[in-house]
Amino acid sequence: MDVGPRLKAWKPRSNHQMVVCIHYSTDFEVHRNWLAITHSLPISQWYYEATSEWTLDYPPFFAWFEYILSHVAKYFDQEMLNVHNLNYSSSRTLLFQRFSVIFTDILFVYAVHECCKCIGGKKVGKELTEKPKFILSVLLLWNFGLLIVDHIHFQYNGFLFGLMLLSIARLFQKRHMEGAFLFAVLLHFKHIYLYVAPAYGVYLLRSYCFTANKSDGSIRWNSFSFVRVISLGLVVFLVSALSLGPFLALNQLPQVFSRLFPFKRGLCHAYWAPNFWALYNALDKVLSVIGLKLKFLDPNKIPKASMTSGLVQQFQHTVLPSVTPLATLICTLIAILPSIFCLWFKPQGPRGFLRCLILCALSSFMFGWHVHEKAILLAILPMSLLSVGKAGDASVFLILTTTGHYSLFPLLFTAPELPIKILLMLLFTIYSISSLKTLFRKEKPLFNWMETFYLLGLGPLEVCCEFVFPLTSWKLKYPFIPLLLTSVYCAVGITYAWFKLYVSVLIDPPVVKTKKQ
């Protein structure tokens, strides 16, 4: 659960607390509240507690994670663990929350180390800074999006992505059971990773449960191992039982699932994620304006609620058909199916799995219901692994990461944060482009003229949104326009990267292996 960076109005207990709290996001209060819930209440009340509007809506493993943290937090400031202390803040609370993110990032660092072991060394330069492993470590450890989301905004994505990257590394290392176990654990920490579960399921079935291929790369059906299937099923079952078992015993599973999957929320998040629905909503808005101008539409019949208000709400489109959760599910499944098909019928080893995982993440981001803008990191981080292997993948990565990272800018909306986010993104983007260009300097340019023109357009867009628009008379009447422009412009780039990656997956030949896998 995440509602973006809007701060809730409240009266601080002192001037000191006003200074402390003014720059942190809503997620800061969300996680403080979860610390209080898990520490102060019995497990039977965790998923019923609703004193705060930021109710517990992550899977049980994350609730236990908060419970463990709370027993450290009590030594910093006991008051932060009071469920009724809504919007509580203190310097010690701030210190603990920030330190807890830094400490849990140790897992992310270790996962990056393991991922770097999986990178081949065919294109090794003389200098350390030109080696693929060094470049990958920088792209992951200093990822701009993860830095601002976790350490400036506030969340615990670092150790969660650490679990995912470690799971990917284990599959590259052919340690399939470990990879499956880590991913099962990850799902019970944060259910957004269900987006990429199809890639894991198909790959493990194809490469682990079937132990051999024919000479043309197709499956030897007689190589199917029931023992391996049962082993994988047992791993998933035991992890799920450990996570959900207590709530099953309490007859609370329906309540837990109602918190995890709140379909009553609107199609789009508070800030429009730059996906297909951002383009769809913008087109509906343009058509409604044109319809009013040409008098094709009755102004009295147009819904007063507007997606462009930036609110989380149910919304009926004016001209285009309104979108339901079922429609988004169907669109997502249709978008994912070709990549799953390729993973099964055109096996390309672990790299093929990784490409499928990224396409599952991107397809879900493009067409999912109530997608959060931060979910783009689910595709950007694993795409980093592909970027140092092939020039084509590097090109897709640079378009995806530059556009996706820029779409996170609205998360940091205060004046002091403006130079910080611009400087950090420039540093990361310049390094990404220059290092990958150096790595693939003997191949064709990473960008064509159209891609270069599009990426350079982010500069004027930022000037327009941050400096020009606030000076216009539209600021009060149409405050949503910068968000709309950012989402729509970035949606074009992310859609293009998704399409370009998909084409490469569809046209690449399978990797034929006749040996046992």
Protein backbone atom coordinates (compact mmCIF):
# COMPACT_ATOMS: atom_id res chain seq x y z
CA MET A 1 0.00 0.00 0.00
CA ASP A 2 1.27 3.40 -0.92
CA VAL A 3 -0.53 6.65 -1.43
CA GLY A 4 2.23 8.84 -2.73
CA PRO A 5 3.94 11.71 -1.00
CA ARG A 6 0.99 13.84 0.09
CA LEU A 7 1.45 14.84 3.72
CA LYS A 8 -1.54 14.61 6.00
CA ALA A 9 -2.49 17.85 7.71
CA TRP A 10 -1.89 17.72 11.44
CA LYS A 11 -0.84 19.91 14.32
CA PRO A 12 2.72 19.20 15.46
CA ARG A 13 3.43 18.82 19.15
CA SER A 14 6.29 21.28 18.95
CA ASN A 15 8.23 23.42 16.53
CA HIS A 16 10.97 20.80 16.60
CA GLN A 17 8.55 18.12 15.42
CA MET A 18 7.36 20.37 12.62
CA VAL A 19 10.92 20.58 11.31
CA VAL A 20 11.43 16.84 11.64
CA CYS A 21 8.27 15.77 9.85
CA ILE A 22 7.91 18.29 7.09
CA HIS A 23 10.07 16.45 4.55
CA TYR A 24 8.98 12.87 5.04
CA SER A 25 6.39 11.07 2.98
CA THR A 26 3.13 9.42 3.87
CA ASP A 27 4.91 6.07 3.69
CA PHE A 28 6.98 7.15 6.67
CA GLU A 29 3.80 7.31 8.76
CA VAL A 30 2.49 4.12 7.16
CA HIS A 31 5.43 2.08 8.38
CA ARG A 32 5.48 3.78 11.78
CA ASN A 33 1.83 2.79 12.18
CA TRP A 34 2.60 -0.78 11.18
CA LEU A 35 5.33 -0.89 13.82
CA ALA A 36 2.74 0.19 16.37
CA ILE A 37 0.10 -2.30 15.20
CA THR A 38 2.37 -5.34 15.27
CA HIS A 39 4.01 -4.35 18.55
CA SER A 40 0.95 -3.29 20.54
CA LEU A 41 -1.74 -5.67 19.33
CA PRO A 42 -2.14 -9.47 19.23
CA ILE A 43 -1.82 -11.13 15.83
CA SER A 44 -5.60 -11.65 15.70
CA GLN A 45 -6.09 -7.86 15.38
CA TRP A 46 -3.30 -7.00 12.91
CA TYR A 47 -5.46 -7.10 9.80
CA TYR A 48 -8.54 -5.61 11.50
CA GLU A 49 -6.93 -2.58 13.16
CA ALA A 50 -8.17 0.62 11.47
CA THR A 51 -7.46 3.49 13.87
CA SER A 52 -5.25 4.99 11.19
CA GLU A 53 -6.29 5.14 7.55
CA TRP A 54 -2.94 3.50 6.73
CA THR A 55 -4.03 -0.01 7.64
CA LEU A 56 -1.75 -3.05 7.36
CA ASP A 57 -2.08 -4.33 3.80
CA TYR A 58 1.15 -6.24 3.12
CA PRO A 59 1.46 -10.04 3.44
CA PRO A 60 2.21 -11.64 6.83
CA PHE A 61 5.99 -11.94 6.44
CA PHE A 62 6.22 -8.17 6.16
CA ALA A 63 4.00 -7.83 9.23
CA TRP A 64 6.43 -10.06 11.14
CA PHE A 65 9.29 -7.97 9.75
CA GLU A 66 7.67 -4.88 11.25
CA TYR A 67 7.12 -6.80 14.49
CA ILE A 68 10.84 -7.61 14.73
CA LEU A 69 11.80 -4.01 13.94
CA SER A 70 9.40 -2.77 16.61
CA HIS A 71 11.36 -4.59 19.31
CA VAL A 72 14.39 -2.55 18.32
CA ALA A 73 12.36 0.63 17.87
CA LYS A 74 11.21 0.58 21.50
CA TYR A 75 14.77 1.39 22.59
CA PHE A 76 14.70 4.53 20.43
CA ASP A 77 11.27 5.98 21.22
CA GLN A 78 8.47 4.00 22.86
CA GLU A 79 5.89 6.58 21.81
CA MET A 80 6.18 5.67 18.12
CA LEU A 81 4.70 2.27 19.03
CA ASN A 82 1.42 3.70 20.32
CA VAL A 83 -1.36 2.87 17.84
CA HIS A 84 -3.26 6.02 18.80
CA ASN A 85 -0.26 8.33 18.27
CA LEU A 86 -1.25 9.14 14.70
CA ASN A 87 1.30 11.08 12.64
CA TYR A 88 3.75 10.85 15.50
CA SER A 89 7.29 12.00 14.83
CA SER A 90 10.44 12.68 16.79
CA SER A 91 14.12 12.90 16.01
CA ARG A 92 14.64 9.41 17.45
CA THR A 93 11.80 7.99 15.37
CA LEU A 94 13.30 9.54 12.29
CA LEU A 95 16.73 8.14 13.16
CA PHE A 96 15.39 4.63 13.69
CA GLN A 97 13.25 4.54 10.56
CA ARG A 98 16.06 5.77 8.32
CA PHE A 99 18.66 3.53 9.94
CA SER A 100 16.42 0.47 9.54
CA VAL A 101 16.32 1.01 5.77
CA ILE A 102 20.10 1.35 5.58
CA PHE A 103 20.65 -1.76 7.70
CA THR A 104 18.30 -3.99 5.69
CA ASP A 105 20.01 -2.86 2.47
CA ILE A 106 22.83 -5.23 3.44
CA LEU A 107 20.81 -7.98 1.75
CA PHE A 108 20.59 -5.91 -1.44
CA VAL A 109 24.37 -5.40 -1.46
CA TYR A 110 24.94 -9.15 -1.09
CA ALA A 111 22.43 -9.90 -3.87
CA VAL A 112 24.23 -7.48 -6.21
CA HIS A 113 27.51 -9.26 -5.42
CA GLU A 114 25.92 -12.60 -6.37
CA CYS A 115 24.40 -11.18 -9.56
CA CYS A 116 27.79 -9.83 -10.66
CA LYS A 117 29.17 -13.38 -10.44
CA CYS A 118 26.64 -14.41 -13.11
CA ILE A 119 27.85 -11.89 -15.67
CA GLY A 120 30.14 -13.19 -18.40
CA GLY A 121 33.47 -11.50 -19.03
CA LYS A 122 33.67 -11.53 -22.82
CA LYS A 123 33.87 -7.76 -23.18
CA VAL A 124 36.48 -6.92 -20.55
CA GLY A 125 38.32 -3.63 -20.90
CA LYS A 126 41.74 -2.88 -19.53
CA GLU A 127 40.38 -0.59 -16.85
CA LEU A 128 38.29 -1.82 -13.92
CA THR A 129 35.64 0.83 -14.68
CA GLU A 130 35.10 -0.69 -18.15
CA LYS A 131 34.37 -4.19 -16.91
CA PRO A 132 30.73 -5.40 -17.11
CA LYS A 133 30.73 -6.52 -13.47
CA PHE A 134 31.83 -3.11 -12.23
CA ILE A 135 29.30 -1.30 -14.42
CA LEU A 136 26.50 -3.60 -13.26
CA SER A 137 27.39 -3.11 -9.60
CA VAL A 138 27.19 0.69 -10.02
CA LEU A 139 23.91 0.50 -11.97
CA LEU A 140 22.34 -1.52 -9.17
CA LEU A 141 23.94 -0.13 -6.00
CA TRP A 142 23.56 3.50 -7.07
CA ASN A 143 20.24 3.14 -8.84
CA PHE A 144 18.62 6.57 -8.77
CA GLY A 145 15.05 5.30 -8.48
CA LEU A 146 15.75 2.99 -5.56
CA LEU A 147 17.74 5.73 -3.84
CA ILE A 148 14.95 8.30 -3.89
CA VAL A 149 12.12 5.84 -3.20
CA ASP A 150 13.78 4.24 -0.18
CA HIS A 151 16.15 6.83 1.25
CA ILE A 152 14.50 10.16 0.42
CA HIS A 153 10.83 9.22 0.03
CA PHE A 154 10.80 6.22 2.41
CA GLN A 155 10.18 2.53 1.87
CA TYR A 156 11.87 -0.85 2.31
CA ASN A 157 12.26 -1.82 -1.34
CA GLY A 158 16.02 -2.40 -1.05
CA PHE A 159 15.92 -5.66 0.86
CA LEU A 160 12.86 -6.82 -1.11
CA PHE A 161 14.66 -6.29 -4.41
CA GLY A 162 17.63 -7.95 -2.74
CA LEU A 163 15.53 -11.09 -2.28
CA MET A 164 14.42 -10.94 -5.92
CA LEU A 165 17.92 -10.40 -7.32
CA LEU A 166 19.33 -13.14 -5.11
CA SER A 167 16.61 -15.47 -6.35
CA ILE A 168 17.50 -14.59 -9.96
CA ALA A 169 21.19 -15.17 -9.24
CA ARG A 170 20.45 -18.62 -7.82
CA LEU A 171 18.57 -19.57 -10.99
CA PHE A 172 21.54 -18.38 -13.09
CA GLN A 173 23.73 -20.56 -10.87
CA LYS A 174 21.33 -23.51 -11.44
CA ARG A 175 20.47 -23.61 -7.76
CA HIS A 176 16.80 -23.87 -8.63
CA MET A 177 15.42 -24.93 -5.26
CA GLU A 178 17.09 -21.99 -3.53
CA GLY A 179 15.78 -19.62 -6.18
CA ALA A 180 12.24 -20.99 -5.79
CA PHE A 181 12.43 -20.75 -2.00
CA LEU A 182 13.64 -17.14 -2.05
CA PHE A 183 10.91 -16.11 -4.48
CA ALA A 184 8.22 -17.84 -2.40
CA VAL A 185 9.46 -15.94 0.64
CA LEU A 186 9.46 -12.71 -1.35
CA LEU A 187 5.82 -13.16 -2.37
CA HIS A 188 4.84 -13.36 1.29
CA PHE A 189 6.72 -10.13 1.99
CA LYS A 190 5.13 -8.09 -0.79
CA HIS A 191 2.48 -9.41 -3.16
CA ILE A 192 3.33 -7.00 -6.00
CA TYR A 193 5.90 -9.62 -7.04
CA LEU A 194 3.00 -11.77 -8.22
CA TYR A 195 3.50 -9.79 -11.44
CA VAL A 196 6.57 -11.86 -12.25
CA ALA A 197 5.38 -15.19 -10.81
CA PRO A 198 4.41 -16.59 -14.27
CA ALA A 199 8.04 -16.29 -15.42
CA TYR A 200 9.24 -18.22 -12.37
CA GLY A 201 6.58 -20.92 -12.70
CA VAL A 202 7.16 -21.59 -16.39
CA TYR A 203 10.95 -21.44 -16.19
CA LEU A 204 11.20 -23.78 -13.21
CA LEU A 205 8.83 -26.25 -14.87
CA ARG A 206 10.69 -26.04 -18.19
CA SER A 207 14.27 -26.05 -16.95
CA TYR A 208 14.12 -27.91 -13.65
CA CYS A 209 11.21 -30.34 -13.75
CA PHE A 210 12.11 -31.42 -17.31
CA THR A 211 15.71 -32.52 -17.18
CA ALA A 212 16.58 -32.82 -20.90
CA ASN A 213 15.84 -31.39 -24.36
CA LYS A 214 15.82 -32.85 -27.85
CA SER A 215 18.38 -31.76 -30.44
CA ASP A 216 15.99 -29.09 -31.78
CA GLY A 217 15.55 -27.57 -28.33
CA SER A 218 12.10 -28.99 -27.66
CA ILE A 219 11.31 -30.90 -24.46
CA ARG A 220 11.99 -34.58 -23.93
CA TRP A 221 8.67 -35.40 -22.31
CA ASN A 222 10.02 -38.60 -20.81
CA SER A 223 12.54 -36.55 -18.82
CA PHE A 224 9.82 -35.16 -16.56
CA SER A 225 10.74 -35.55 -12.88
CA PHE A 226 7.87 -36.01 -10.43
CA VAL A 227 10.34 -35.79 -7.55
CA ARG A 228 11.41 -32.30 -8.61
CA VAL A 229 7.82 -31.13 -9.04
CA ILE A 230 6.90 -32.43 -5.60
CA SER A 231 10.01 -30.78 -4.13
CA LEU A 232 9.09 -27.40 -5.63
CA GLY A 233 5.48 -27.76 -4.52
CA LEU A 234 6.61 -28.64 -1.02
CA VAL A 235 8.81 -25.55 -0.82
CA VAL A 236 5.94 -23.27 -1.88
CA PHE A 237 3.49 -25.03 0.42
CA LEU A 238 5.73 -24.83 3.49
CA VAL A 239 6.51 -21.14 2.97
CA SER A 240 2.81 -20.38 2.44
CA ALA A 241 1.82 -22.43 5.47
CA LEU A 242 4.32 -20.59 7.65
CA SER A 243 3.03 -17.24 6.40
CA LEU A 244 -0.73 -17.81 6.23
CA GLY A 245 -1.12 -20.69 8.68
CA PRO A 246 -1.76 -18.57 11.80
CA PHE A 247 -4.46 -16.58 10.00
CA LEU A 248 -6.01 -19.74 8.62
CA ALA A 249 -6.19 -21.07 12.16
CA LEU A 250 -7.86 -17.81 13.24
CA ASN A 251 -10.28 -18.05 10.28
CA GLN A 252 -9.02 -14.66 9.06
CA LEU A 253 -7.77 -15.46 5.54
CA PRO A 254 -10.70 -13.61 3.85
CA GLN A 255 -9.88 -10.51 5.90
CA VAL A 256 -6.17 -10.75 5.04
CA PHE A 257 -6.92 -11.10 1.32
CA SER A 258 -9.39 -8.20 1.42
CA ARG A 259 -6.54 -6.00 2.68
CA LEU A 260 -4.04 -7.32 0.13
CA PHE A 261 -6.31 -6.88 -2.90
CA PRO A 262 -8.45 -3.72 -2.43
CA PHE A 263 -10.16 -3.57 -5.83
CA LYS A 264 -12.40 -0.75 -4.65
CA ARG A 265 -9.56 1.65 -5.39
CA GLY A 266 -9.62 3.41 -8.73
CA LEU A 267 -7.99 2.48 -12.02
CA CYS A 268 -5.08 4.85 -11.45
CA HIS A 269 -3.00 5.76 -8.44
CA ALA A 270 -2.76 9.24 -6.90
CA TYR A 271 0.02 10.02 -9.34
CA TRP A 272 -0.67 8.48 -12.72
CA ALA A 273 1.77 5.67 -13.37
CA PRO A 274 3.20 6.29 -16.88
CA ASN A 275 1.48 3.33 -18.50
CA PHE A 276 -1.17 2.54 -21.10
CA TRP A 277 -3.97 3.84 -18.88
CA ALA A 278 -2.25 7.22 -18.56
CA LEU A 279 -2.43 7.51 -22.35
CA TYR A 280 -6.00 6.19 -22.29
CA ASN A 281 -7.09 8.72 -19.65
CA ALA A 282 -5.37 11.57 -21.46
CA LEU A 283 -7.06 10.61 -24.73
CA ASP A 284 -10.43 10.50 -22.98
CA LYS A 285 -9.78 13.97 -21.55
CA VAL A 286 -8.78 15.37 -24.96
CA LEU A 287 -11.84 13.82 -26.62
CA SER A 288 -14.13 15.22 -23.93
CA VAL A 289 -12.70 18.74 -24.41
CA ILE A 290 -13.12 18.46 -28.19
CA GLY A 291 -16.64 17.09 -27.71
CA LEU A 292 -17.59 20.05 -25.54
CA LYS A 293 -16.08 22.53 -28.02
CA LEU A 294 -17.99 21.00 -30.91
CA LYS A 295 -21.11 20.61 -28.74
CA PHE A 296 -21.22 16.84 -29.22
CA LEU A 297 -21.32 16.37 -25.45
CA ASP A 298 -23.72 17.72 -22.86
CA PRO A 299 -21.67 19.46 -20.13
CA ASN A 300 -24.34 18.57 -17.57
CA LYS A 301 -23.83 14.86 -18.19
CA ILE A 302 -20.06 14.82 -17.82
CA PRO A 303 -18.92 13.40 -14.43
CA LYS A 304 -17.57 16.07 -12.12
CA ALA A 305 -14.88 13.75 -10.76
CA SER A 306 -11.79 13.83 -12.91
CA MET A 307 -8.81 11.55 -13.17
CA THR A 308 -6.70 14.64 -13.64
CA SER A 309 -7.42 15.79 -10.11
CA GLY A 310 -4.70 13.38 -8.96
CA LEU A 311 -6.98 11.68 -6.43
CA VAL A 312 -7.35 7.98 -5.72
CA GLN A 313 -10.96 7.39 -6.65
CA GLN A 314 -13.42 5.48 -8.78
CA PHE A 315 -13.80 7.19 -12.12
CA GLN A 316 -16.07 6.91 -15.14
CA HIS A 317 -14.55 7.92 -18.46
CA THR A 318 -16.42 10.52 -20.46
CA VAL A 319 -16.01 9.36 -24.06
CA LEU A 320 -14.03 6.11 -24.03
CA PRO A 321 -15.41 2.97 -22.34
CA SER A 322 -14.76 2.89 -18.60
CA VAL A 323 -12.24 0.32 -17.43
CA THR A 324 -12.97 -2.40 -14.87
CA PRO A 325 -10.53 -4.54 -12.83
CA LEU A 326 -11.49 -7.54 -14.98
CA ALA A 327 -10.63 -5.63 -18.16
CA THR A 328 -7.19 -4.75 -16.81
CA LEU A 329 -6.62 -8.38 -15.82
CA ILE A 330 -7.49 -9.60 -19.31
CA CYS A 331 -5.25 -6.98 -20.93
CA THR A 332 -2.38 -7.92 -18.62
CA LEU A 333 -2.72 -11.63 -19.35
CA ILE A 334 -2.83 -11.01 -23.09
CA ALA A 335 0.31 -8.85 -22.83
CA ILE A 336 2.18 -11.48 -20.79
CA LEU A 337 1.24 -14.57 -22.83
CA PRO A 338 3.66 -14.09 -25.77
CA SER A 339 6.65 -13.83 -23.42
CA ILE A 340 5.53 -16.96 -21.57
CA PHE A 341 5.08 -18.72 -24.91
CA CYS A 342 8.64 -17.82 -25.91
CA LEU A 343 10.03 -18.96 -22.56
CA TRP A 344 8.47 -22.39 -23.08
CA PHE A 345 8.93 -22.94 -26.81
CA LYS A 346 12.07 -20.84 -27.45
CA PRO A 347 14.24 -21.53 -24.40
CA GLN A 348 17.18 -19.18 -24.07
CA GLY A 349 18.47 -20.29 -20.70
CA PRO A 350 18.55 -18.02 -17.64
CA ARG A 351 18.79 -14.90 -19.81
CA GLY A 352 15.56 -15.92 -21.51
CA PHE A 353 13.97 -16.29 -18.08
CA LEU A 354 15.22 -12.85 -17.09
CA ARG A 355 13.79 -11.28 -20.25
CA CYS A 356 10.45 -12.97 -19.59
CA LEU A 357 10.49 -11.74 -15.99
CA ILE A 358 11.08 -8.17 -17.15
CA LEU A 359 8.30 -8.40 -19.74
CA CYS A 360 5.91 -9.77 -17.11
CA ALA A 361 6.79 -6.84 -14.84
CA LEU A 362 6.47 -4.30 -17.65
CA SER A 363 3.22 -5.78 -19.00
CA SER A 364 1.68 -5.70 -15.54
CA PHE A 365 2.89 -2.13 -15.11
CA MET A 366 1.43 -1.18 -18.49
CA PHE A 367 -2.01 -2.70 -18.06
CA GLY A 368 -2.54 -3.45 -14.35
CA TRP A 369 -5.21 -2.04 -12.03
CA HIS A 370 -4.22 0.81 -9.70
CA VAL A 371 -0.54 0.56 -10.60
CA HIS A 372 1.89 2.54 -8.46
CA GLU A 373 4.46 4.66 -10.28
CA LYS A 374 7.22 3.05 -8.19
CA ALA A 375 6.41 -0.37 -9.67
CA ILE A 376 8.57 0.57 -12.67
CA LEU A 377 11.59 -0.39 -10.54
CA LEU A 378 10.39 -3.98 -10.77
CA ALA A 379 11.47 -3.90 -14.43
CA ILE A 380 14.38 -1.43 -14.25
CA LEU A 381 16.50 -3.29 -11.69
CA PRO A 382 16.51 -6.74 -13.38
CA MET A 383 16.94 -5.00 -16.76
CA SER A 384 20.28 -3.77 -15.41
CA LEU A 385 21.57 -7.35 -15.61
CA LEU A 386 20.70 -7.57 -19.30
CA SER A 387 22.13 -4.14 -20.12
CA VAL A 388 25.77 -5.22 -19.77
CA GLY A 389 25.33 -8.28 -22.01
CA LYS A 390 24.05 -7.02 -25.36
CA ALA A 391 23.96 -3.62 -27.05
CA GLY A 392 20.28 -4.01 -27.94
CA ASP A 393 19.37 -4.67 -24.31
CA ALA A 394 21.54 -1.73 -23.22
CA SER A 395 19.56 0.55 -25.51
CA VAL A 396 16.24 -0.64 -24.07
CA PHE A 397 17.60 -0.28 -20.54
CA LEU A 398 18.72 3.32 -21.06
CA ILE A 399 15.35 4.37 -22.49
CA LEU A 400 13.44 2.52 -19.78
CA THR A 401 15.55 3.67 -16.85
CA THR A 402 15.80 7.32 -17.93
CA THR A 403 12.07 7.62 -18.60
CA GLY A 404 11.02 5.50 -15.62
CA HIS A 405 13.24 7.37 -13.19
CA TYR A 406 12.03 10.74 -14.40
CA SER A 407 8.43 9.61 -13.84
CA LEU A 408 9.30 9.33 -10.11
CA PHE A 409 10.10 13.03 -9.85
CA PRO A 410 6.64 13.97 -8.45
CA LEU A 411 7.40 11.88 -5.37
CA LEU A 412 9.85 14.61 -4.33
CA PHE A 413 7.80 17.76 -4.65
CA THR A 414 9.27 20.29 -2.20
CA ALA A 415 11.58 23.12 -3.29
CA PRO A 416 14.67 21.91 -1.35
CA GLU A 417 14.38 18.49 -3.02
CA LEU A 418 14.31 19.89 -6.57
CA PRO A 419 18.08 20.40 -7.06
CA ILE A 420 18.81 17.13 -5.26
CA LYS A 421 16.65 14.96 -7.51
CA ILE A 422 17.80 16.72 -10.69
CA LEU A 423 21.48 16.38 -9.77
CA LEU A 424 21.19 12.74 -8.68
CA MET A 425 19.31 11.74 -11.81
CA LEU A 426 21.76 13.57 -14.07
CA LEU A 427 24.71 11.84 -12.42
CA PHE A 428 23.15 8.39 -12.71
CA THR A 429 21.91 8.92 -16.27
CA ILE A 430 25.22 10.33 -17.53
CA TYR A 431 27.11 7.45 -15.95
CA SER A 432 24.68 4.85 -17.36
CA ILE A 433 24.90 6.19 -20.90
CA SER A 434 28.65 6.81 -20.91
CA SER A 435 29.60 3.47 -19.33
CA LEU A 436 27.36 1.40 -21.61
CA LYS A 437 28.51 3.34 -24.68
CA THR A 438 32.09 2.55 -23.70
CA LEU A 439 31.25 -1.11 -23.15
CA PHE A 440 29.66 -1.40 -26.60
CA ARG A 441 31.81 1.14 -28.42
CA LYS A 442 32.64 -1.34 -31.20
CA GLU A 443 28.97 -1.82 -32.05
CA LYS A 444 26.36 0.48 -33.56
CA PRO A 445 25.17 3.54 -31.56
CA LEU A 446 22.83 2.75 -28.69
CA PHE A 447 20.28 5.41 -29.76
CA ASN A 448 18.84 6.44 -33.10
CA TRP A 449 17.91 10.08 -33.77
CA MET A 450 14.30 9.62 -32.67
CA GLU A 451 15.25 8.06 -29.32
CA THR A 452 17.85 10.78 -28.72
CA PHE A 453 15.32 13.50 -29.48
CA TYR A 454 12.77 11.93 -27.12
CA LEU A 455 15.19 11.59 -24.20
CA LEU A 456 16.48 15.15 -24.63
CA GLY A 457 12.83 16.27 -24.46
CA LEU A 458 12.78 15.42 -20.74
CA GLY A 459 14.82 18.59 -20.12
CA PRO A 460 12.27 21.05 -21.57
CA LEU A 461 9.49 19.06 -19.89
CA GLU A 462 11.12 19.55 -16.49
CA VAL A 463 11.63 23.28 -17.13
CA CYS A 464 8.00 23.61 -18.17
CA CYS A 465 6.60 21.72 -15.16
CA GLU A 466 8.84 23.16 -12.44
CA PHE A 467 9.58 26.70 -13.58
CA VAL A 468 7.18 27.87 -16.29
CA PHE A 469 3.85 26.39 -15.21
CA PRO A 470 3.92 27.82 -11.63
CA LEU A 471 4.12 31.31 -13.17
CA THR A 472 0.97 30.86 -15.26
CA SER A 473 -2.64 31.54 -14.33
CA TRP A 474 -3.40 27.81 -14.82
CA LYS A 475 -1.60 26.89 -11.59
CA LEU A 476 -4.72 27.33 -9.43
CA LYS A 477 -7.34 26.18 -11.92
CA TYR A 478 -5.47 23.20 -13.37
CA PRO A 479 -2.88 22.12 -10.75
CA PHE A 480 -2.83 18.59 -12.17
CA ILE A 481 -1.30 19.54 -15.54
CA PRO A 482 2.37 18.92 -14.58
CA LEU A 483 1.47 15.43 -13.35
CA LEU A 484 -0.52 14.75 -16.48
CA LEU A 485 2.29 15.91 -18.78
CA THR A 486 4.89 13.90 -16.86
CA SER A 487 2.83 10.71 -16.88
CA VAL A 488 1.84 10.94 -20.54
CA TYR A 489 5.31 11.86 -21.82
CA CYS A 490 6.97 9.09 -19.79
CA ALA A 491 4.27 6.61 -20.79
CA VAL A 492 5.32 7.05 -24.42
CA GLY A 493 8.95 6.15 -23.61
CA ILE A 494 8.08 3.19 -21.38
CA THR A 495 5.63 1.83 -23.96
CA TYR A 496 8.32 2.13 -26.62
CA ALA A 497 10.89 0.31 -24.43
CA TRP A 498 8.35 -2.45 -23.69
CA PHE A 499 7.59 -2.88 -27.39
CA LYS A 500 11.26 -2.84 -28.39
CA LEU A 501 12.18 -5.48 -25.81
CA TYR A 502 9.23 -7.63 -26.84
CA VAL A 503 10.31 -7.55 -30.50
CA SER A 504 13.83 -8.68 -29.58
CA VAL A 505 12.43 -11.57 -27.52
CA LEU A 506 10.14 -12.70 -30.33
CA ILE A 507 12.79 -12.64 -33.07
CA ASP A 508 15.78 -14.03 -31.14
CA PRO A 509 16.47 -17.72 -31.92
CA PRO A 510 16.29 -20.36 -29.16
CA VAL A 511 19.43 -21.59 -27.44
CA VAL A 512 19.65 -25.31 -28.23
CA LYS A 513 20.95 -27.55 -25.46
CA THR A 514 20.94 -31.31 -25.54
CA LYS A 515 22.72 -31.86 -22.25
CA LYS A 516 20.91 -32.31 -19.00
CA GLN A 517 20.07 -28.98 -17.46
